[in-house]
Amino acid sequence: MESTRKITARLSHLKDNDRSFDLEFWQQAGAEAIFAAAWQMVLDMLLMRGENVDQFRLQRSIENIERLRR
């Protein structure tokens, strides 16, 4: 199955640039794309530090939360 990529670009001067293009882009991309981009930045940062990204994953904790009885 082939995926289609949508390429979006806007040319502007840096001093005239507001954040509207970025906001519109990420709103159209959706939550899954935002999470994937954020995770990729984490992995890139670890690579720059020289850490092994193959063994890195989100830390998960399990807790039991109970309401106190009065």
PDB file of N, CA and C in Angstrom:
ATOM      1  N   MET A   1       0.842  -1.171   0.000  1.00  0.00           N
ATOM      2  CA  MET A   1       0.000   0.000   0.000  1.00  0.00           C
ATOM      3  C   MET A   1       0.895   1.245   0.000  1.00  0.00           C
ATOM      4  N   GLU A   2       0.678   2.118  -0.915  1.00  0.00           N
ATOM      5  CA  GLU A   2       1.465   3.342  -1.000  1.00  0.00           C
ATOM      6  C   GLU A   2       0.794   4.448  -0.204  1.00  0.00           C
ATOM      7  N   SER A   3       1.605   5.208   0.497  1.00  0.00           N
ATOM      8  CA  SER A   3       1.063   6.348   1.220  1.00  0.00           C
ATOM      9  C   SER A   3       1.310   7.612   0.410  1.00  0.00           C
ATOM     10  N   THR A   4       0.423   8.552   0.551  1.00  0.00           N
ATOM     11  CA  THR A   4       0.596   9.826  -0.140  1.00  0.00           C
ATOM     12  C   THR A   4       1.074  10.853   0.856  1.00  0.00           C
ATOM     13  N   ARG A   5       2.001  11.685   0.423  1.00  0.00           N
ATOM     14  CA  ARG A   5       2.542  12.731   1.281  1.00  0.00           C
ATOM     15  C   ARG A   5       2.073  14.064   0.770  1.00  0.00           C
ATOM     16  N   LYS A   6       1.655  14.891   1.664  1.00  0.00           N
ATOM     17  CA  LYS A   6       1.249  16.238   1.311  1.00  0.00           C
ATOM     18  C   LYS A   6       2.380  17.174   1.737  1.00  0.00           C
ATOM     19  N   ILE A   7       2.900  17.926   0.796  1.00  0.00           N
ATOM     20  CA  ILE A   7       3.973  18.867   1.098  1.00  0.00           C
ATOM     21  C   ILE A   7       3.388  20.269   1.107  1.00  0.00           C
ATOM     22  N   THR A   8       3.624  20.979   2.191  1.00  0.00           N
ATOM     23  CA  THR A   8       3.104  22.327   2.357  1.00  0.00           C
ATOM     24  C   THR A   8       4.270  23.265   2.602  1.00  0.00           C
ATOM     25  N   ALA A   9       4.264  24.403   1.923  1.00  0.00           N
ATOM     26  CA  ALA A   9       5.348  25.365   2.093  1.00  0.00           C
ATOM     27  C   ALA A   9       4.799  26.778   1.981  1.00  0.00           C
ATOM     28  N   ARG A  10       5.510  27.705   2.607  1.00  0.00           N
ATOM     29  CA  ARG A  10       5.177  29.114   2.491  1.00  0.00           C
ATOM     30  C   ARG A  10       6.471  29.907   2.559  1.00  0.00           C
ATOM     31  N   LEU A  11       6.620  30.844   1.668  1.00  0.00           N
ATOM     32  CA  LEU A  11       7.800  31.680   1.621  1.00  0.00           C
ATOM     33  C   LEU A  11       7.468  33.029   2.247  1.00  0.00           C
ATOM     34  N   SER A  12       8.258  33.416   3.236  1.00  0.00           N
ATOM     35  CA  SER A  12       8.030  34.710   3.885  1.00  0.00           C
ATOM     36  C   SER A  12       9.339  35.197   4.497  1.00  0.00           C
ATOM     37  N   HIS A  13       9.392  36.460   4.786  1.00  0.00           N
ATOM     38  CA  HIS A  13      10.538  37.020   5.488  1.00  0.00           C
ATOM     39  C   HIS A  13      10.432  36.651   6.958  1.00  0.00           C
ATOM     40  N   LEU A  14      11.565  36.378   7.566  1.00  0.00           N
ATOM     41  CA  LEU A  14      11.579  35.969   8.963  1.00  0.00           C
ATOM     42  C   LEU A  14      10.957  37.025   9.863  1.00  0.00           C
ATOM     43  N   LYS A  15      11.225  38.290   9.589  1.00  0.00           N
ATOM     44  CA  LYS A  15      10.691  39.352  10.440  1.00  0.00           C
ATOM     45  C   LYS A  15       9.170  39.493  10.315  1.00  0.00           C
ATOM     46  N   ASP A  16       8.601  39.044   9.177  1.00  0.00           N
ATOM     47  CA  ASP A  16       7.159  39.136   8.966  1.00  0.00           C
ATOM     48  C   ASP A  16       6.429  37.854   9.319  1.00  0.00           C
ATOM     49  N   ASN A  17       7.163  36.842   9.722  1.00  0.00           N
ATOM     50  CA  ASN A  17       6.589  35.529   9.947  1.00  0.00           C
ATOM     51  C   ASN A  17       5.866  35.469  11.292  1.00  0.00           C
ATOM     52  N   ASP A  18       4.594  35.140  11.245  1.00  0.00           N
ATOM     53  CA  ASP A  18       3.877  34.852  12.488  1.00  0.00           C
ATOM     54  C   ASP A  18       3.739  33.328  12.583  1.00  0.00           C
ATOM     55  N   ARG A  19       3.070  32.844  13.566  1.00  0.00           N
ATOM     56  CA  ARG A  19       2.987  31.397  13.779  1.00  0.00           C
ATOM     57  C   ARG A  19       1.773  30.765  13.106  1.00  0.00           C
ATOM     58  N   SER A  20       1.017  31.521  12.330  1.00  0.00           N
ATOM     59  CA  SER A  20      -0.224  31.004  11.756  1.00  0.00           C
ATOM     60  C   SER A  20       0.024  29.798  10.843  1.00  0.00           C
ATOM     61  N   PHE A  21       1.099  29.833  10.059  1.00  0.00           N
ATOM     62  CA  PHE A  21       1.394  28.711   9.170  1.00  0.00           C
ATOM     63  C   PHE A  21       1.678  27.448   9.977  1.00  0.00           C
ATOM     64  N   ASP A  22       2.500  27.571  11.021  1.00  0.00           N
ATOM     65  CA  ASP A  22       2.832  26.417  11.864  1.00  0.00           C
ATOM     66  C   ASP A  22       1.590  25.859  12.551  1.00  0.00           C
ATOM     67  N   LEU A  23       0.778  26.753  13.097  1.00  0.00           N
ATOM     68  CA  LEU A  23      -0.429  26.305  13.790  1.00  0.00           C
ATOM     69  C   LEU A  23      -1.372  25.571  12.842  1.00  0.00           C
ATOM     70  N   GLU A  24      -1.568  26.128  11.666  1.00  0.00           N
ATOM     71  CA  GLU A  24      -2.447  25.486  10.689  1.00  0.00           C
ATOM     72  C   GLU A  24      -1.888  24.121  10.262  1.00  0.00           C
ATOM     73  N   PHE A  25      -0.571  24.062  10.031  1.00  0.00           N
ATOM     74  CA  PHE A  25       0.059  22.807   9.621  1.00  0.00           C
ATOM     75  C   PHE A  25      -0.168  21.712  10.653  1.00  0.00           C
ATOM     76  N   TRP A  26       0.146  21.995  11.931  1.00  0.00           N
ATOM     77  CA  TRP A  26       0.030  20.955  12.955  1.00  0.00           C
ATOM     78  C   TRP A  26      -1.415  20.623  13.277  1.00  0.00           C
ATOM     79  N   GLN A  27      -2.336  21.582  13.153  1.00  0.00           N
ATOM     80  CA  GLN A  27      -3.750  21.267  13.357  1.00  0.00           C
ATOM     81  C   GLN A  27      -4.246  20.312  12.280  1.00  0.00           C
ATOM     82  N   GLN A  28      -3.799  20.507  11.041  1.00  0.00           N
ATOM     83  CA  GLN A  28      -4.185  19.598   9.961  1.00  0.00           C
ATOM     84  C   GLN A  28      -3.509  18.244  10.108  1.00  0.00           C
ATOM     85  N   ALA A  29      -2.307  18.217  10.654  1.00  0.00           N
ATOM     86  CA  ALA A  29      -1.564  16.961  10.802  1.00  0.00           C
ATOM     87  C   ALA A  29      -2.232  16.035  11.807  1.00  0.00           C
ATOM     88  N   GLY A  30      -2.750  16.585  12.889  1.00  0.00           N
ATOM     89  CA  GLY A  30      -3.436  15.774  13.883  1.00  0.00           C
ATOM     90  C   GLY A  30      -2.534  15.310  15.014  1.00  0.00           C
ATOM     91  N   ALA A  31      -3.167  14.762  16.025  1.00  0.00           N
ATOM     92  CA  ALA A  31      -2.475  14.372  17.253  1.00  0.00           C
ATOM     93  C   ALA A  31      -1.432  13.275  17.031  1.00  0.00           C
ATOM     94  N   GLU A  32      -1.736  12.305  16.186  1.00  0.00           N
ATOM     95  CA  GLU A  32      -0.791  11.205  15.962  1.00  0.00           C
ATOM     96  C   GLU A  32       0.503  11.708  15.319  1.00  0.00           C
ATOM     97  N   ALA A  33       0.386  12.617  14.360  1.00  0.00           N
ATOM     98  CA  ALA A  33       1.576  13.174  13.707  1.00  0.00           C
ATOM     99  C   ALA A  33       2.368  14.052  14.672  1.00  0.00           C
ATOM    100  N   ILE A  34       1.677  14.776  15.533  1.00  0.00           N
ATOM    101  CA  ILE A  34       2.354  15.614  16.525  1.00  0.00           C
ATOM    102  C   ILE A  34       3.145  14.744  17.489  1.00  0.00           C
ATOM    103  N   PHE A  35       2.532  13.663  17.965  1.00  0.00           N
ATOM    104  CA  PHE A  35       3.221  12.754  18.884  1.00  0.00           C
ATOM    105  C   PHE A  35       4.426  12.104  18.201  1.00  0.00           C
ATOM    106  N   ALA A  36       4.249  11.666  16.948  1.00  0.00           N
ATOM    107  CA  ALA A  36       5.351  11.035  16.221  1.00  0.00           C
ATOM    108  C   ALA A  36       6.514  12.007  16.040  1.00  0.00           C
ATOM    109  N   ALA A  37       6.218  13.260  15.740  1.00  0.00           N
ATOM    110  CA  ALA A  37       7.277  14.258  15.560  1.00  0.00           C
ATOM    111  C   ALA A  37       7.995  14.532  16.882  1.00  0.00           C
ATOM    112  N   ALA A  38       7.229  14.622  17.967  1.00  0.00           N
ATOM    113  CA  ALA A  38       7.828  14.859  19.279  1.00  0.00           C
ATOM    114  C   ALA A  38       8.717  13.679  19.684  1.00  0.00           C
ATOM    115  N   TRP A  39       8.247  12.458  19.444  1.00  0.00           N
ATOM    116  CA  TRP A  39       9.030  11.270  19.777  1.00  0.00           C
ATOM    117  C   TRP A  39      10.308  11.223  18.945  1.00  0.00           C
ATOM    118  N   GLN A  40      10.213  11.602  17.666  1.00  0.00           N
ATOM    119  CA  GLN A  40      11.399  11.616  16.818  1.00  0.00           C
ATOM    120  C   GLN A  40      12.423  12.627  17.337  1.00  0.00           C
ATOM    121  N   MET A  41      11.950  13.755  17.872  1.00  0.00           N
ATOM    122  CA  MET A  41      12.875  14.737  18.447  1.00  0.00           C
ATOM    123  C   MET A  41      13.581  14.175  19.672  1.00  0.00           C
ATOM    124  N   VAL A  42      12.866  13.395  20.482  1.00  0.00           N
ATOM    125  CA  VAL A  42      13.483  12.760  21.650  1.00  0.00           C
ATOM    126  C   VAL A  42      14.580  11.797  21.197  1.00  0.00           C
ATOM    127  N   LEU A  43      14.277  10.980  20.195  1.00  0.00           N
ATOM    128  CA  LEU A  43      15.270  10.026  19.692  1.00  0.00           C
ATOM    129  C   LEU A  43      16.470  10.744  19.078  1.00  0.00           C
ATOM    130  N   ASP A  44      16.227  11.830  18.353  1.00  0.00           N
ATOM    131  CA  ASP A  44      17.328  12.603  17.770  1.00  0.00           C
ATOM    132  C   ASP A  44      18.230  13.187  18.856  1.00  0.00           C
ATOM    133  N   MET A  45      17.617  13.678  19.930  1.00  0.00           N
ATOM    134  CA  MET A  45      18.392  14.236  21.038  1.00  0.00           C
ATOM    135  C   MET A  45      19.265  13.160  21.687  1.00  0.00           C
ATOM    136  N   LEU A  46      18.714  11.971  21.852  1.00  0.00           N
ATOM    137  CA  LEU A  46      19.490  10.875  22.431  1.00  0.00           C
ATOM    138  C   LEU A  46      20.646  10.480  21.528  1.00  0.00           C
ATOM    139  N   LEU A  47      20.406  10.463  20.212  1.00  0.00           N
ATOM    140  CA  LEU A  47      21.490  10.162  19.268  1.00  0.00           C
ATOM    141  C   LEU A  47      22.598  11.202  19.369  1.00  0.00           C
ATOM    142  N   MET A  48      22.223  12.481  19.503  1.00  0.00           N
ATOM    143  CA  MET A  48      23.235  13.537  19.615  1.00  0.00           C
ATOM    144  C   MET A  48      24.051  13.383  20.891  1.00  0.00           C
ATOM    145  N   ARG A  49      23.449  12.831  21.932  1.00  0.00           N
ATOM    146  CA  ARG A  49      24.162  12.591  23.189  1.00  0.00           C
ATOM    147  C   ARG A  49      24.991  11.315  23.141  1.00  0.00           C
ATOM    148  N   GLY A  50      24.823  10.538  22.071  1.00  0.00           N
ATOM    149  CA  GLY A  50      25.560   9.289  21.940  1.00  0.00           C
ATOM    150  C   GLY A  50      24.926   8.123  22.664  1.00  0.00           C
ATOM    151  N   GLU A  51      23.665   8.233  23.015  1.00  0.00           N
ATOM    152  CA  GLU A  51      22.982   7.155  23.731  1.00  0.00           C
ATOM    153  C   GLU A  51      22.367   6.172  22.748  1.00  0.00           C
ATOM    154  N   ASN A  52      22.122   4.950  23.212  1.00  0.00           N
ATOM    155  CA  ASN A  52      21.546   3.897  22.388  1.00  0.00           C
ATOM    156  C   ASN A  52      20.025   4.064  22.348  1.00  0.00           C
ATOM    157  N   VAL A  53      19.500   4.444  21.200  1.00  0.00           N
ATOM    158  CA  VAL A  53      18.059   4.679  21.088  1.00  0.00           C
ATOM    159  C   VAL A  53      17.270   3.388  20.937  1.00  0.00           C
ATOM    160  N   ASP A  54      17.944   2.284  20.594  1.00  0.00           N
ATOM    161  CA  ASP A  54      17.239   1.014  20.447  1.00  0.00           C
ATOM    162  C   ASP A  54      16.707   0.500  21.779  1.00  0.00           C
ATOM    163  N   GLN A  55      17.372   0.860  22.871  1.00  0.00           N
ATOM    164  CA  GLN A  55      16.945   0.381  24.182  1.00  0.00           C
ATOM    165  C   GLN A  55      16.099   1.408  24.926  1.00  0.00           C
ATOM    166  N   PHE A  56      15.928   2.571  24.331  1.00  0.00           N
ATOM    167  CA  PHE A  56      15.179   3.624  25.015  1.00  0.00           C
ATOM    168  C   PHE A  56      13.690   3.456  24.758  1.00  0.00           C
ATOM    169  N   ARG A  57      12.898   3.643  25.781  1.00  0.00           N
ATOM    170  CA  ARG A  57      11.445   3.640  25.646  1.00  0.00           C
ATOM    171  C   ARG A  57      10.865   4.460  26.769  1.00  0.00           C
ATOM    172  N   LEU A  58       9.621   4.772  26.653  1.00  0.00           N
ATOM    173  CA  LEU A  58       8.965   5.523  27.717  1.00  0.00           C
ATOM    174  C   LEU A  58       8.914   4.678  28.979  1.00  0.00           C
ATOM    175  N   GLN A  59       9.176   5.327  30.106  1.00  0.00           N
ATOM    176  CA  GLN A  59       9.117   4.619  31.374  1.00  0.00           C
ATOM    177  C   GLN A  59       7.665   4.523  31.798  1.00  0.00           C
ATOM    178  N   ARG A  60       7.286   3.356  32.241  1.00  0.00           N
ATOM    179  CA  ARG A  60       5.902   3.152  32.652  1.00  0.00           C
ATOM    180  C   ARG A  60       5.881   2.698  34.105  1.00  0.00           C
ATOM    181  N   SER A  61       4.984   3.253  34.861  1.00  0.00           N
ATOM    182  CA  SER A  61       4.809   2.856  36.252  1.00  0.00           C
ATOM    183  C   SER A  61       3.358   2.456  36.456  1.00  0.00           C
ATOM    184  N   ILE A  62       3.159   1.480  37.300  1.00  0.00           N
ATOM    185  CA  ILE A  62       1.804   1.045  37.631  1.00  0.00           C
ATOM    186  C   ILE A  62       1.607   1.279  39.112  1.00  0.00           C
ATOM    187  N   GLU A  63       0.528   1.950  39.424  1.00  0.00           N
ATOM    188  CA  GLU A  63       0.216   2.218  40.819  1.00  0.00           C
ATOM    189  C   GLU A  63      -1.221   1.852  41.089  1.00  0.00           C
ATOM    190  N   ASN A  64      -1.475   1.566  42.328  1.00  0.00           N
ATOM    191  CA  ASN A  64      -2.839   1.292  42.760  1.00  0.00           C
ATOM    192  C   ASN A  64      -3.304   2.488  43.568  1.00  0.00           C
ATOM    193  N   ILE A  65      -4.297   3.170  43.088  1.00  0.00           N
ATOM    194  CA  ILE A  65      -4.804   4.350  43.783  1.00  0.00           C
ATOM    195  C   ILE A  65      -6.158   4.020  44.373  1.00  0.00           C
ATOM    196  N   GLU A  66      -6.260   4.210  45.663  1.00  0.00           N
ATOM    197  CA  GLU A  66      -7.509   3.925  46.348  1.00  0.00           C
ATOM    198  C   GLU A  66      -7.953   5.147  47.130  1.00  0.00           C
ATOM    199  N   ARG A  67      -9.240   5.311  47.251  1.00  0.00           N
ATOM    200  CA  ARG A  67      -9.798   6.415  48.028  1.00  0.00           C
ATOM    201  C   ARG A  67      -9.676   6.091  49.519  1.00  0.00           C
ATOM    202  N   LEU A  68      -9.249   7.081  50.288  1.00  0.00           N
ATOM    203  CA  LEU A  68      -9.162   6.887  51.734  1.00  0.00           C
ATOM    204  C   LEU A  68     -10.546   6.767  52.336  1.00  0.00           C
ATOM    205  N   ARG A  69     -10.676   5.817  53.243  1.00  0.00           N
ATOM    206  CA  ARG A  69     -11.959   5.660  53.931  1.00  0.00           C
ATOM    207  C   ARG A  69     -11.990   6.562  55.138  1.00  0.00           C
ATOM    208  N   ARG A  70     -13.076   7.250  55.318  1.00  0.00           N
ATOM    209  CA  ARG A  70     -13.212   8.166  56.471  1.00  0.00           C
ATOM    210  C   ARG A  70     -14.083   7.603  57.533  1.00  0.00           C
TER     211      ARG A  70
END
